[in-house]
């Protein structure tokens, strides 16, 4: 198996990546939304803008208590 970032052979310690660096590159892509699939549906965009205007985050306002 090769590293999905640089295509070098993967290392079992960092599988499926070859190194911590490539694992961190992948994580940064997730954080920055690099793996998101943008919607082209106008209805989805309108709902998202309306939710933002209402201050909704998509998460419960009340924190979960354990």
C-alpha atoms as a PDB file:
ATOM      1  CA  UNK A   1       0.000   0.000   0.000  1.00  0.00           C
ATOM      2  CA  UNK A   2       1.267   3.470  -0.781  1.00  0.00           C
ATOM      3  CA  UNK A   3       0.812   6.716   1.117  1.00  0.00           C
ATOM      4  CA  UNK A   4      -2.259   8.582  -0.166  1.00  0.00           C
ATOM      5  CA  UNK A   5      -0.397  11.902   0.192  1.00  0.00           C
ATOM      6  CA  UNK A   6       3.045  11.325  -1.382  1.00  0.00           C
ATOM      7  CA  UNK A   7       2.687   7.767  -2.776  1.00  0.00           C
ATOM      8  CA  UNK A   8       5.761   6.407  -0.956  1.00  0.00           C
ATOM      9  CA  UNK A   9       5.375   2.989   0.696  1.00  0.00           C
ATOM     10  CA  UNK A  10       3.259   3.269   3.840  1.00  0.00           C
ATOM     11  CA  UNK A  11       4.709   2.662   7.302  1.00  0.00           C
ATOM     12  CA  UNK A  12       2.755   0.428   9.696  1.00  0.00           C
ATOM     13  CA  UNK A  13       3.306   2.989  12.473  1.00  0.00           C
ATOM     14  CA  UNK A  14       1.479   5.707  10.485  1.00  0.00           C
ATOM     15  CA  UNK A  15      -0.756   3.536   8.282  1.00  0.00           C
ATOM     16  CA  UNK A  16      -1.998   4.353   5.695  1.00  0.00           C
ATOM     17  CA  UNK A  17       0.608   7.131   5.564  1.00  0.00           C
ATOM     18  CA  UNK A  18       4.379   6.880   5.261  1.00  0.00           C
ATOM     19  CA  UNK A  19       5.207   9.368   8.022  1.00  0.00           C
ATOM     20  CA  UNK A  20       3.809  11.680  10.674  1.00  0.00           C
ATOM     21  CA  UNK A  21       4.283  14.549   8.239  1.00  0.00           C
ATOM     22  CA  UNK A  22       1.925  13.035   5.661  1.00  0.00           C
ATOM     23  CA  UNK A  23      -0.568  12.134   8.406  1.00  0.00           C
ATOM     24  CA  UNK A  24      -0.484  15.776   9.540  1.00  0.00           C
ATOM     25  CA  UNK A  25      -0.949  17.010   5.965  1.00  0.00           C
ATOM     26  CA  UNK A  26      -4.059  14.828   5.699  1.00  0.00           C
ATOM     27  CA  UNK A  27      -5.397  16.074   9.044  1.00  0.00           C
ATOM     28  CA  UNK A  28      -4.872  19.687   7.985  1.00  0.00           C
ATOM     29  CA  UNK A  29      -6.847  19.011   4.812  1.00  0.00           C
ATOM     30  CA  UNK A  30      -9.737  17.708   6.920  1.00  0.00           C
ATOM     31  CA  UNK A  31      -9.617  20.747   9.226  1.00  0.00           C
ATOM     32  CA  UNK A  32      -9.559  23.186   6.312  1.00  0.00           C
ATOM     33  CA  UNK A  33     -12.432  21.429   4.534  1.00  0.00           C
ATOM     34  CA  UNK A  34     -10.241  20.150   1.734  1.00  0.00           C
ATOM     35  CA  UNK A  35     -12.215  16.915   1.574  1.00  0.00           C
ATOM     36  CA  UNK A  36     -15.646  18.490   1.540  1.00  0.00           C
ATOM     37  CA  UNK A  37     -17.964  18.184  -1.423  1.00  0.00           C
ATOM     38  CA  UNK A  38     -19.517  21.561  -2.152  1.00  0.00           C
ATOM     39  CA  UNK A  39     -23.212  21.618  -2.854  1.00  0.00           C
ATOM     40  CA  UNK A  40     -24.479  23.188  -6.034  1.00  0.00           C
ATOM     41  CA  UNK A  41     -28.089  22.874  -4.923  1.00  0.00           C
ATOM     42  CA  UNK A  42     -29.453  26.423  -4.377  1.00  0.00           C
ATOM     43  CA  UNK A  43     -31.910  25.103  -1.785  1.00  0.00           C
ATOM     44  CA  UNK A  44     -29.065  23.714   0.361  1.00  0.00           C
ATOM     45  CA  UNK A  45     -27.223  27.029   0.179  1.00  0.00           C
ATOM     46  CA  UNK A  46     -30.328  29.019   1.100  1.00  0.00           C
ATOM     47  CA  UNK A  47     -30.958  26.807   4.138  1.00  0.00           C
ATOM     48  CA  UNK A  48     -27.341  27.188   5.219  1.00  0.00           C
ATOM     49  CA  UNK A  49     -27.430  30.988   4.924  1.00  0.00           C
ATOM     50  CA  UNK A  50     -30.725  31.151   6.832  1.00  0.00           C
ATOM     51  CA  UNK A  51     -29.293  28.982   9.616  1.00  0.00           C
ATOM     52  CA  UNK A  52     -26.232  31.223   9.850  1.00  0.00           C
ATOM     53  CA  UNK A  53     -28.425  34.321  10.054  1.00  0.00           C
ATOM     54  CA  UNK A  54     -30.388  32.712  12.911  1.00  0.00           C
ATOM     55  CA  UNK A  55     -27.110  31.905  14.674  1.00  0.00           C
ATOM     56  CA  UNK A  56     -27.579  28.150  14.420  1.00  0.00           C
ATOM     57  CA  UNK A  57     -24.435  26.054  14.446  1.00  0.00           C
ATOM     58  CA  UNK A  58     -25.993  22.692  13.701  1.00  0.00           C
ATOM     59  CA  UNK A  59     -25.197  21.522  17.203  1.00  0.00           C
ATOM     60  CA  UNK A  60     -27.388  21.446  20.301  1.00  0.00           C
ATOM     61  CA  UNK A  61     -27.287  24.701  22.245  1.00  0.00           C
ATOM     62  CA  UNK A  62     -27.235  22.806  25.519  1.00  0.00           C
ATOM     63  CA  UNK A  63     -23.970  21.021  26.334  1.00  0.00           C
ATOM     64  CA  UNK A  64     -24.271  17.297  26.914  1.00  0.00           C
ATOM     65  CA  UNK A  65     -24.050  16.415  30.586  1.00  0.00           C
ATOM     66  CA  UNK A  66     -22.763  13.055  31.723  1.00  0.00           C
END
